[in-house]
Amino acid sequence: PWIPVAETLKKLQELSGRQHNFEYAVIPNANHEMMS
């Protein structure tokens, strides 16, 4: 609830068209601190 993940994923997809030195993952059942 702290950050706009959906908007960030769009930006990462945009960035992937420019460079290829990164990876990303969405972690299931996790909040901002990677807790339940």
Full PDB file with SEQRES, HELIX, SHEET, SSBOND, CRYST1, ORIGX, SCALE, CONECT and MASTER records, all heavy atoms in Angstrom:
SEQRES   1 A   36  PRO TRP ILE PRO VAL ALA GLU THR LEU LYS LYS LEU GLN          
SEQRES   2 A   36  GLU LEU SER GLY ARG GLN HIS ASN PHE GLU TYR ALA VAL          
SEQRES   3 A   36  ILE PRO ASN ALA ASN HIS GLU MET MET SER                      
HELIX    1 AA1 VAL A    5  SER A   16  1                                  12    
CRYST1    1.000    1.000    1.000  90.00  90.00  90.00 P 1           1          
ORIGX1      1.000000  0.000000  0.000000        0.00000                         
ORIGX2      0.000000  1.000000  0.000000        0.00000                         
ORIGX3      0.000000  0.000000  1.000000        0.00000                         
SCALE1      1.000000  0.000000  0.000000        0.00000                         
SCALE2      0.000000  1.000000  0.000000        0.00000                         
SCALE3      0.000000  0.000000  1.000000        0.00000                         
ATOM      1  N   PRO A   1       0.801  -1.229   0.000  1.00  0.00           N  
ATOM      2  CA  PRO A   1       0.000   0.000   0.000  1.00  0.00           C  
ATOM      3  C   PRO A   1       0.830   1.273   0.000  1.00  0.00           C  
ATOM      4  O   PRO A   1       0.282   2.370  -0.109  1.00  0.00           O  
ATOM      5  CB  PRO A   1      -0.797  -0.118   1.303  1.00  0.00           C  
ATOM      6  CG  PRO A   1       0.131  -0.846   2.227  1.00  0.00           C  
ATOM      7  CD  PRO A   1       0.882  -1.831   1.349  1.00  0.00           C  
ATOM      8  N   TRP A   2       2.162   1.148   0.101  1.00  0.00           N  
ATOM      9  CA  TRP A   2       3.014   2.322   0.209  1.00  0.00           C  
ATOM     10  C   TRP A   2       3.458   2.871  -1.135  1.00  0.00           C  
ATOM     11  O   TRP A   2       3.790   4.055  -1.230  1.00  0.00           O  
ATOM     12  CB  TRP A   2       4.251   2.010   1.061  1.00  0.00           C  
ATOM     13  CG  TRP A   2       3.976   1.937   2.528  1.00  0.00           C  
ATOM     14  CD1 TRP A   2       3.746   0.816   3.264  1.00  0.00           C  
ATOM     15  CD2 TRP A   2       3.892   3.036   3.445  1.00  0.00           C  
ATOM     16  NE1 TRP A   2       3.526   1.143   4.587  1.00  0.00           N  
ATOM     17  CE2 TRP A   2       3.612   2.504   4.717  1.00  0.00           C  
ATOM     18  CE3 TRP A   2       4.040   4.425   3.306  1.00  0.00           C  
ATOM     19  CZ2 TRP A   2       3.468   3.298   5.846  1.00  0.00           C  
ATOM     20  CZ3 TRP A   2       3.899   5.220   4.435  1.00  0.00           C  
ATOM     21  CH2 TRP A   2       3.617   4.663   5.682  1.00  0.00           C  
ATOM     22  N   ILE A   3       3.518   2.032  -2.151  1.00  0.00           N  
ATOM     23  CA  ILE A   3       4.042   2.488  -3.445  1.00  0.00           C  
ATOM     24  C   ILE A   3       3.150   2.007  -4.587  1.00  0.00           C  
ATOM     25  O   ILE A   3       2.512   0.955  -4.484  1.00  0.00           O  
ATOM     26  CB  ILE A   3       5.486   1.993  -3.678  1.00  0.00           C  
ATOM     27  CG1 ILE A   3       5.521   0.465  -3.832  1.00  0.00           C  
ATOM     28  CG2 ILE A   3       6.407   2.443  -2.551  1.00  0.00           C  
ATOM     29  CD1 ILE A   3       6.853  -0.068  -4.286  1.00  0.00           C  
ATOM     30  N   PRO A   4       3.097   2.746  -5.686  1.00  0.00           N  
ATOM     31  CA  PRO A   4       2.284   2.335  -6.841  1.00  0.00           C  
ATOM     32  C   PRO A   4       3.021   1.283  -7.676  1.00  0.00           C  
ATOM     33  O   PRO A   4       3.714   1.607  -8.650  1.00  0.00           O  
ATOM     34  CB  PRO A   4       2.074   3.638  -7.607  1.00  0.00           C  
ATOM     35  CG  PRO A   4       3.282   4.463  -7.273  1.00  0.00           C  
ATOM     36  CD  PRO A   4       3.665   4.089  -5.865  1.00  0.00           C  
ATOM     37  N   VAL A   5       2.878   0.032  -7.297  1.00  0.00           N  
ATOM     38  CA  VAL A   5       3.596  -1.039  -7.978  1.00  0.00           C  
ATOM     39  C   VAL A   5       3.167  -1.150  -9.439  1.00  0.00           C  
ATOM     40  O   VAL A   5       3.998  -1.323 -10.328  1.00  0.00           O  
ATOM     41  CB  VAL A   5       3.401  -2.377  -7.234  1.00  0.00           C  
ATOM     42  CG1 VAL A   5       4.019  -3.535  -8.038  1.00  0.00           C  
ATOM     43  CG2 VAL A   5       4.031  -2.314  -5.843  1.00  0.00           C  
ATOM     44  N   ALA A   6       1.866  -1.051  -9.712  1.00  0.00           N  
ATOM     45  CA  ALA A   6       1.389  -1.203 -11.090  1.00  0.00           C  
ATOM     46  C   ALA A   6       2.013  -0.155 -12.008  1.00  0.00           C  
ATOM     47  O   ALA A   6       2.460  -0.468 -13.125  1.00  0.00           O  
ATOM     48  CB  ALA A   6      -0.130  -1.109 -11.130  1.00  0.00           C  
ATOM     49  N   GLU A   7       2.086   1.088 -11.548  1.00  0.00           N  
ATOM     50  CA  GLU A   7       2.696   2.149 -12.347  1.00  0.00           C  
ATOM     51  C   GLU A   7       4.184   1.895 -12.529  1.00  0.00           C  
ATOM     52  O   GLU A   7       4.752   2.140 -13.604  1.00  0.00           O  
ATOM     53  CB  GLU A   7       2.467   3.499 -11.673  1.00  0.00           C  
ATOM     54  CG  GLU A   7       3.066   4.695 -12.403  1.00  0.00           C  
ATOM     55  CD  GLU A   7       2.420   4.929 -13.766  1.00  0.00           C  
ATOM     56  OE1 GLU A   7       1.272   4.482 -13.970  1.00  0.00           O  
ATOM     57  OE2 GLU A   7       3.081   5.551 -14.622  1.00  0.00           O  
ATOM     58  N   THR A   8       4.830   1.384 -11.488  1.00  0.00           N  
ATOM     59  CA  THR A   8       6.256   1.096 -11.569  1.00  0.00           C  
ATOM     60  C   THR A   8       6.547  -0.018 -12.571  1.00  0.00           C  
ATOM     61  O   THR A   8       7.532   0.048 -13.318  1.00  0.00           O  
ATOM     62  CB  THR A   8       6.791   0.710 -10.179  1.00  0.00           C  
ATOM     63  OG1 THR A   8       6.723   1.864  -9.324  1.00  0.00           O  
ATOM     64  CG2 THR A   8       8.232   0.234 -10.242  1.00  0.00           C  
ATOM     65  N   LEU A   9       5.698  -1.029 -12.615  1.00  0.00           N  
ATOM     66  CA  LEU A   9       5.903  -2.114 -13.569  1.00  0.00           C  
ATOM     67  C   LEU A   9       5.808  -1.596 -15.004  1.00  0.00           C  
ATOM     68  O   LEU A   9       6.555  -2.043 -15.889  1.00  0.00           O  
ATOM     69  CB  LEU A   9       4.890  -3.227 -13.331  1.00  0.00           C  
ATOM     70  CG  LEU A   9       5.018  -3.970 -11.993  1.00  0.00           C  
ATOM     71  CD1 LEU A   9       3.929  -5.037 -11.868  1.00  0.00           C  
ATOM     72  CD2 LEU A   9       6.392  -4.604 -11.837  1.00  0.00           C  
ATOM     73  N   LYS A  10       4.914  -0.647 -15.253  1.00  0.00           N  
ATOM     74  CA  LYS A  10       4.834  -0.041 -16.580  1.00  0.00           C  
ATOM     75  C   LYS A  10       6.136   0.669 -16.931  1.00  0.00           C  
ATOM     76  O   LYS A  10       6.626   0.587 -18.062  1.00  0.00           O  
ATOM     77  CB  LYS A  10       3.667   0.945 -16.642  1.00  0.00           C  
ATOM     78  CG  LYS A  10       2.281   0.312 -16.538  1.00  0.00           C  
ATOM     79  CD  LYS A  10       1.213   1.374 -16.565  1.00  0.00           C  
ATOM     80  CE  LYS A  10      -0.173   0.765 -16.390  1.00  0.00           C  
ATOM     81  NZ  LYS A  10      -1.234   1.818 -16.358  1.00  0.00           N  
ATOM     82  N   LYS A  11       6.702   1.366 -15.954  1.00  0.00           N  
ATOM     83  CA  LYS A  11       7.947   2.078 -16.200  1.00  0.00           C  
ATOM     84  C   LYS A  11       9.110   1.113 -16.416  1.00  0.00           C  
ATOM     85  O   LYS A  11      10.009   1.368 -17.224  1.00  0.00           O  
ATOM     86  CB  LYS A  11       8.239   3.044 -15.048  1.00  0.00           C  
ATOM     87  CG  LYS A  11       7.315   4.257 -15.035  1.00  0.00           C  
ATOM     88  CD  LYS A  11       7.668   5.223 -13.937  1.00  0.00           C  
ATOM     89  CE  LYS A  11       6.869   6.516 -14.055  1.00  0.00           C  
ATOM     90  NZ  LYS A  11       7.262   7.312 -15.247  1.00  0.00           N  
ATOM     91  N   LEU A  12       9.110  -0.007 -15.716  1.00  0.00           N  
ATOM     92  CA  LEU A  12      10.147  -1.004 -15.927  1.00  0.00           C  
ATOM     93  C   LEU A  12      10.040  -1.608 -17.322  1.00  0.00           C  
ATOM     94  O   LEU A  12      11.059  -1.868 -17.980  1.00  0.00           O  
ATOM     95  CB  LEU A  12      10.055  -2.097 -14.869  1.00  0.00           C  
ATOM     96  CG  LEU A  12      10.596  -1.723 -13.482  1.00  0.00           C  
ATOM     97  CD1 LEU A  12      10.206  -2.775 -12.457  1.00  0.00           C  
ATOM     98  CD2 LEU A  12      12.110  -1.551 -13.508  1.00  0.00           C  
ATOM     99  N   GLN A  13       8.830  -1.823 -17.774  1.00  0.00           N  
ATOM    100  CA  GLN A  13       8.647  -2.333 -19.136  1.00  0.00           C  
ATOM    101  C   GLN A  13       9.137  -1.316 -20.162  1.00  0.00           C  
ATOM    102  O   GLN A  13       9.750  -1.679 -21.176  1.00  0.00           O  
ATOM    103  CB  GLN A  13       7.170  -2.675 -19.361  1.00  0.00           C  
ATOM    104  CG  GLN A  13       6.716  -3.887 -18.553  1.00  0.00           C  
ATOM    105  CD  GLN A  13       5.210  -4.023 -18.460  1.00  0.00           C  
ATOM    106  OE1 GLN A  13       4.472  -3.270 -19.106  1.00  0.00           O  
ATOM    107  NE2 GLN A  13       4.747  -4.961 -17.672  1.00  0.00           N  
ATOM    108  N   GLU A  14       8.897  -0.038 -19.870  1.00  0.00           N  
ATOM    109  CA  GLU A  14       9.409   1.008 -20.751  1.00  0.00           C  
ATOM    110  C   GLU A  14      10.935   1.019 -20.738  1.00  0.00           C  
ATOM    111  O   GLU A  14      11.585   1.129 -21.788  1.00  0.00           O  
ATOM    112  CB  GLU A  14       8.870   2.368 -20.304  1.00  0.00           C  
ATOM    113  CG  GLU A  14       9.391   3.538 -21.119  1.00  0.00           C  
ATOM    114  CD  GLU A  14       8.930   4.885 -20.570  1.00  0.00           C  
ATOM    115  OE1 GLU A  14       8.013   4.910 -19.726  1.00  0.00           O  
ATOM    116  OE2 GLU A  14       9.511   5.911 -20.976  1.00  0.00           O  
ATOM    117  N   LEU A  15      11.512   0.881 -19.541  1.00  0.00           N  
ATOM    118  CA  LEU A  15      12.965   0.883 -19.417  1.00  0.00           C  
ATOM    119  C   LEU A  15      13.585  -0.314 -20.134  1.00  0.00           C  
ATOM    120  O   LEU A  15      14.689  -0.214 -20.679  1.00  0.00           O  
ATOM    121  CB  LEU A  15      13.363   0.876 -17.941  1.00  0.00           C  
ATOM    122  CG  LEU A  15      14.838   1.089 -17.610  1.00  0.00           C  
ATOM    123  CD1 LEU A  15      15.310   2.459 -18.058  1.00  0.00           C  
ATOM    124  CD2 LEU A  15      15.062   0.917 -16.099  1.00  0.00           C  
ATOM    125  N   SER A  16      12.865  -1.438 -20.166  1.00  0.00           N  
ATOM    126  CA  SER A  16      13.408  -2.637 -20.805  1.00  0.00           C  
ATOM    127  C   SER A  16      13.601  -2.449 -22.308  1.00  0.00           C  
ATOM    128  O   SER A  16      14.368  -3.181 -22.938  1.00  0.00           O  
ATOM    129  CB  SER A  16      12.501  -3.837 -20.542  1.00  0.00           C  
ATOM    130  OG  SER A  16      11.256  -3.694 -21.218  1.00  0.00           O  
ATOM    131  N   GLY A  17      12.904  -1.473 -22.883  1.00  0.00           N  
ATOM    132  CA  GLY A  17      13.108  -1.182 -24.293  1.00  0.00           C  
ATOM    133  C   GLY A  17      14.378  -0.410 -24.569  1.00  0.00           C  
ATOM    134  O   GLY A  17      14.800  -0.303 -25.730  1.00  0.00           O  
ATOM    135  N   ARG A  18      14.996   0.118 -23.503  1.00  0.00           N  
ATOM    136  CA  ARG A  18      16.207   0.926 -23.658  1.00  0.00           C  
ATOM    137  C   ARG A  18      17.460   0.191 -23.197  1.00  0.00           C  
ATOM    138  O   ARG A  18      18.548   0.428 -23.715  1.00  0.00           O  
ATOM    139  CB  ARG A  18      16.094   2.217 -22.846  1.00  0.00           C  
ATOM    140  CG  ARG A  18      14.858   3.055 -23.128  1.00  0.00           C  
ATOM    141  CD  ARG A  18      14.929   4.325 -22.293  1.00  0.00           C  
ATOM    142  NE  ARG A  18      13.701   5.109 -22.384  1.00  0.00           N  
ATOM    143  CZ  ARG A  18      13.540   6.285 -21.788  1.00  0.00           C  
ATOM    144  NH1 ARG A  18      14.536   6.798 -21.063  1.00  0.00           N  
ATOM    145  NH2 ARG A  18      12.405   6.947 -21.905  1.00  0.00           N  
ATOM    146  N   GLN A  19      17.325  -0.644 -22.185  1.00  0.00           N  
ATOM    147  CA  GLN A  19      18.498  -1.308 -21.633  1.00  0.00           C  
ATOM    148  C   GLN A  19      18.106  -2.681 -21.110  1.00  0.00           C  
ATOM    149  O   GLN A  19      16.934  -2.946 -20.823  1.00  0.00           O  
ATOM    150  CB  GLN A  19      19.121  -0.456 -20.520  1.00  0.00           C  
ATOM    151  CG  GLN A  19      18.214  -0.160 -19.333  1.00  0.00           C  
ATOM    152  CD  GLN A  19      18.781   0.946 -18.457  1.00  0.00           C  
ATOM    153  OE1 GLN A  19      18.706   2.115 -18.801  1.00  0.00           O  
ATOM    154  NE2 GLN A  19      19.365   0.583 -17.322  1.00  0.00           N  
ATOM    155  N   HIS A  20      19.117  -3.534 -20.968  1.00  0.00           N  
ATOM    156  CA  HIS A  20      18.847  -4.929 -20.631  1.00  0.00           C  
ATOM    157  C   HIS A  20      19.685  -5.411 -19.449  1.00  0.00           C  
ATOM    158  O   HIS A  20      19.954  -6.605 -19.336  1.00  0.00           O  
ATOM    159  CB  HIS A  20      19.116  -5.810 -21.861  1.00  0.00           C  
ATOM    160  CG  HIS A  20      18.401  -5.355 -23.088  1.00  0.00           C  
ATOM    161  ND1 HIS A  20      17.042  -5.533 -23.272  1.00  0.00           N  
ATOM    162  CD2 HIS A  20      18.837  -4.682 -24.182  1.00  0.00           C  
ATOM    163  CE1 HIS A  20      16.674  -5.018 -24.436  1.00  0.00           C  
ATOM    164  NE2 HIS A  20      17.745  -4.488 -25.004  1.00  0.00           N  
ATOM    165  N   ASN A  21      20.051  -4.499 -18.574  1.00  0.00           N  
ATOM    166  CA  ASN A  21      20.908  -4.851 -17.446  1.00  0.00           C  
ATOM    167  C   ASN A  21      20.131  -5.009 -16.151  1.00  0.00           C  
ATOM    168  O   ASN A  21      20.690  -4.865 -15.068  1.00  0.00           O  
ATOM    169  CB  ASN A  21      22.007  -3.798 -17.254  1.00  0.00           C  
ATOM    170  CG  ASN A  21      21.431  -2.426 -16.913  1.00  0.00           C  
ATOM    171  OD1 ASN A  21      20.371  -2.049 -17.406  1.00  0.00           O  
ATOM    172  ND2 ASN A  21      22.134  -1.682 -16.074  1.00  0.00           N  
ATOM    173  N   PHE A  22      18.834  -5.301 -16.237  1.00  0.00           N  
ATOM    174  CA  PHE A  22      18.067  -5.443 -15.003  1.00  0.00           C  
ATOM    175  C   PHE A  22      17.026  -6.548 -15.146  1.00  0.00           C  
ATOM    176  O   PHE A  22      16.622  -6.934 -16.238  1.00  0.00           O  
ATOM    177  CB  PHE A  22      17.391  -4.125 -14.613  1.00  0.00           C  
ATOM    178  CG  PHE A  22      16.264  -3.717 -15.525  1.00  0.00           C  
ATOM    179  CD1 PHE A  22      14.959  -4.096 -15.262  1.00  0.00           C  
ATOM    180  CD2 PHE A  22      16.518  -2.945 -16.655  1.00  0.00           C  
ATOM    181  CE1 PHE A  22      13.925  -3.721 -16.111  1.00  0.00           C  
ATOM    182  CE2 PHE A  22      15.496  -2.563 -17.503  1.00  0.00           C  
ATOM    183  CZ  PHE A  22      14.189  -2.948 -17.230  1.00  0.00           C  
ATOM    184  N   GLU A  23      16.605  -7.035 -13.983  1.00  0.00           N  
ATOM    185  CA  GLU A  23      15.513  -7.988 -13.891  1.00  0.00           C  
ATOM    186  C   GLU A  23      14.567  -7.494 -12.806  1.00  0.00           C  
ATOM    187  O   GLU A  23      14.967  -6.719 -11.924  1.00  0.00           O  
ATOM    188  CB  GLU A  23      16.041  -9.385 -13.542  1.00  0.00           C  
ATOM    189  CG  GLU A  23      16.985  -9.971 -14.576  1.00  0.00           C  
ATOM    190  CD  GLU A  23      17.566 -11.299 -14.125  1.00  0.00           C  
ATOM    191  OE1 GLU A  23      16.811 -12.288 -14.094  1.00  0.00           O  
ATOM    192  OE2 GLU A  23      18.775 -11.326 -13.792  1.00  0.00           O  
ATOM    193  N   TYR A  24      13.337  -7.944 -12.860  1.00  0.00           N  
ATOM    194  CA  TYR A  24      12.406  -7.559 -11.795  1.00  0.00           C  
ATOM    195  C   TYR A  24      11.449  -8.704 -11.495  1.00  0.00           C  
ATOM    196  O   TYR A  24      11.232  -9.596 -12.320  1.00  0.00           O  
ATOM    197  CB  TYR A  24      11.646  -6.284 -12.133  1.00  0.00           C  
ATOM    198  CG  TYR A  24      10.750  -6.342 -13.353  1.00  0.00           C  
ATOM    199  CD1 TYR A  24       9.409  -6.690 -13.236  1.00  0.00           C  
ATOM    200  CD2 TYR A  24      11.248  -6.009 -14.612  1.00  0.00           C  
ATOM    201  CE1 TYR A  24       8.581  -6.716 -14.350  1.00  0.00           C  
ATOM    202  CE2 TYR A  24      10.432  -6.029 -15.730  1.00  0.00           C  
ATOM    203  CZ  TYR A  24       9.096  -6.387 -15.588  1.00  0.00           C  
ATOM    204  OH  TYR A  24       8.288  -6.407 -16.693  1.00  0.00           O  
ATOM    205  N   ALA A  25      10.911  -8.682 -10.285  1.00  0.00           N  
ATOM    206  CA  ALA A  25      10.000  -9.731  -9.842  1.00  0.00           C  
ATOM    207  C   ALA A  25       8.960  -9.141  -8.910  1.00  0.00           C  
ATOM    208  O   ALA A  25       9.250  -8.222  -8.135  1.00  0.00           O  
ATOM    209  CB  ALA A  25      10.773 -10.837  -9.125  1.00  0.00           C  
ATOM    210  N   VAL A  26       7.741  -9.667  -9.002  1.00  0.00           N  
ATOM    211  CA  VAL A  26       6.680  -9.356  -8.052  1.00  0.00           C  
ATOM    212  C   VAL A  26       6.556 -10.549  -7.113  1.00  0.00           C  
ATOM    213  O   VAL A  26       6.348 -11.688  -7.559  1.00  0.00           O  
ATOM    214  CB  VAL A  26       5.345  -9.079  -8.761  1.00  0.00           C  
ATOM    215  CG1 VAL A  26       4.230  -8.860  -7.739  1.00  0.00           C  
ATOM    216  CG2 VAL A  26       5.465  -7.864  -9.680  1.00  0.00           C  
ATOM    217  N   ILE A  27       6.711 -10.295  -5.831  1.00  0.00           N  
ATOM    218  CA  ILE A  27       6.738 -11.358  -4.832  1.00  0.00           C  
ATOM    219  C   ILE A  27       5.320 -11.610  -4.309  1.00  0.00           C  
ATOM    220  O   ILE A  27       4.660 -10.689  -3.831  1.00  0.00           O  
ATOM    221  CB  ILE A  27       7.672 -10.985  -3.669  1.00  0.00           C  
ATOM    222  CG1 ILE A  27       9.083 -10.682  -4.209  1.00  0.00           C  
ATOM    223  CG2 ILE A  27       7.712 -12.100  -2.637  1.00  0.00           C  
ATOM    224  CD1 ILE A  27       9.719 -11.790  -4.982  1.00  0.00           C  
ATOM    225  N   PRO A  28       4.824 -12.842  -4.403  1.00  0.00           N  
ATOM    226  CA  PRO A  28       3.461 -13.128  -3.941  1.00  0.00           C  
ATOM    227  C   PRO A  28       3.339 -13.063  -2.418  1.00  0.00           C  
ATOM    228  O   PRO A  28       4.291 -13.364  -1.694  1.00  0.00           O  
ATOM    229  CB  PRO A  28       3.206 -14.547  -4.450  1.00  0.00           C  
ATOM    230  CG  PRO A  28       4.562 -15.163  -4.570  1.00  0.00           C  
ATOM    231  CD  PRO A  28       5.483 -14.043  -4.971  1.00  0.00           C  
ATOM    232  N   ASN A  29       2.166 -12.640  -1.984  1.00  0.00           N  
ATOM    233  CA  ASN A  29       1.844 -12.588  -0.545  1.00  0.00           C  
ATOM    234  C   ASN A  29       2.880 -11.784   0.235  1.00  0.00           C  
ATOM    235  O   ASN A  29       3.379 -12.220   1.274  1.00  0.00           O  
ATOM    236  CB  ASN A  29       1.730 -14.001   0.033  1.00  0.00           C  
ATOM    237  CG  ASN A  29       0.661 -14.821  -0.649  1.00  0.00           C  
ATOM    238  OD1 ASN A  29      -0.470 -14.354  -0.818  1.00  0.00           O  
ATOM    239  ND2 ASN A  29       0.996 -16.032  -1.064  1.00  0.00           N  
ATOM    240  N   ALA A  30       3.187 -10.601  -0.284  1.00  0.00           N  
ATOM    241  CA  ALA A  30       4.199  -9.761   0.360  1.00  0.00           C  
ATOM    242  C   ALA A  30       3.769  -8.304   0.326  1.00  0.00           C  
ATOM    243  O   ALA A  30       3.184  -7.837  -0.650  1.00  0.00           O  
ATOM    244  CB  ALA A  30       5.551  -9.922  -0.339  1.00  0.00           C  
ATOM    245  N   ASN A  31       4.077  -7.588   1.399  1.00  0.00           N  
ATOM    246  CA  ASN A  31       3.782  -6.156   1.469  1.00  0.00           C  
ATOM    247  C   ASN A  31       5.071  -5.359   1.236  1.00  0.00           C  
ATOM    248  O   ASN A  31       6.029  -5.860   0.647  1.00  0.00           O  
ATOM    249  CB  ASN A  31       3.103  -5.806   2.794  1.00  0.00           C  
ATOM    250  CG  ASN A  31       4.019  -5.987   4.000  1.00  0.00           C  
ATOM    251  OD1 ASN A  31       5.210  -6.304   3.884  1.00  0.00           O  
ATOM    252  ND2 ASN A  31       3.480  -5.781   5.183  1.00  0.00           N  
ATOM    253  N   HIS A  32       5.113  -4.139   1.713  1.00  0.00           N  
ATOM    254  CA  HIS A  32       6.247  -3.252   1.468  1.00  0.00           C  
ATOM    255  C   HIS A  32       7.540  -3.788   2.063  1.00  0.00           C  
ATOM    256  O   HIS A  32       8.611  -3.657   1.471  1.00  0.00           O  
ATOM    257  CB  HIS A  32       5.924  -1.876   2.062  1.00  0.00           C  
ATOM    258  CG  HIS A  32       6.862  -0.782   1.649  1.00  0.00           C  
ATOM    259  ND1 HIS A  32       6.967  -0.344   0.354  1.00  0.00           N  
ATOM    260  CD2 HIS A  32       7.744  -0.030   2.375  1.00  0.00           C  
ATOM    261  CE1 HIS A  32       7.851   0.631   0.281  1.00  0.00           C  
ATOM    262  NE2 HIS A  32       8.352   0.835   1.488  1.00  0.00           N  
ATOM    263  N   GLU A  33       7.444  -4.395   3.249  1.00  0.00           N  
ATOM    264  CA  GLU A  33       8.629  -4.923   3.939  1.00  0.00           C  
ATOM    265  C   GLU A  33       8.874  -6.383   3.603  1.00  0.00           C  
ATOM    266  O   GLU A  33       9.659  -7.046   4.273  1.00  0.00           O  
ATOM    267  CB  GLU A  33       8.468  -4.757   5.457  1.00  0.00           C  
ATOM    268  CG  GLU A  33       8.424  -3.329   5.950  1.00  0.00           C  
ATOM    269  CD  GLU A  33       7.039  -2.681   5.771  1.00  0.00           C  
ATOM    270  OE1 GLU A  33       6.046  -3.431   5.587  1.00  0.00           O  
ATOM    271  OE2 GLU A  33       6.965  -1.440   5.799  1.00  0.00           O  
ATOM    272  N   MET A  34       8.209  -6.910   2.578  1.00  0.00           N  
ATOM    273  CA  MET A  34       8.291  -8.323   2.206  1.00  0.00           C  
ATOM    274  C   MET A  34       7.793  -9.218   3.334  1.00  0.00           C  
ATOM    275  O   MET A  34       8.261 -10.344   3.516  1.00  0.00           O  
ATOM    276  CB  MET A  34       9.722  -8.707   1.798  1.00  0.00           C  
ATOM    277  CG  MET A  34      10.170  -8.028   0.519  1.00  0.00           C  
ATOM    278  SD  MET A  34       9.220  -8.605  -0.916  1.00  0.00           S  
ATOM    279  CE  MET A  34       9.285  -7.174  -1.996  1.00  0.00           C  
ATOM    280  N   MET A  35       6.806  -8.710   4.067  1.00  0.00           N  
ATOM    281  CA  MET A  35       6.121  -9.480   5.096  1.00  0.00           C  
ATOM    282  C   MET A  35       4.747  -9.893   4.588  1.00  0.00           C  
ATOM    283  O   MET A  35       4.294  -9.429   3.539  1.00  0.00           O  
ATOM    284  CB  MET A  35       5.985  -8.646   6.380  1.00  0.00           C  
ATOM    285  CG  MET A  35       7.298  -8.208   6.987  1.00  0.00           C  
ATOM    286  SD  MET A  35       7.078  -7.113   8.415  1.00  0.00           S  
ATOM    287  CE  MET A  35       6.313  -8.247   9.585  1.00  0.00           C  
ATOM    288  N   SER A  36       4.070 -10.739   5.344  1.00  0.00           N  
ATOM    289  CA  SER A  36       2.710 -11.122   4.983  1.00  0.00           C  
ATOM    290  C   SER A  36       1.810  -9.896   5.004  1.00  0.00           C  
ATOM    291  O   SER A  36       1.869  -9.082   5.931  1.00  0.00           O  
ATOM    292  CB  SER A  36       2.171 -12.160   5.976  1.00  0.00           C  
ATOM    293  OG  SER A  36       0.784 -12.346   5.794  1.00  0.00           O  
TER     294      SER A  36                                                      
MASTER        0    0    0    1    0    0    0    6  293    1    0    3          
END                                                                             
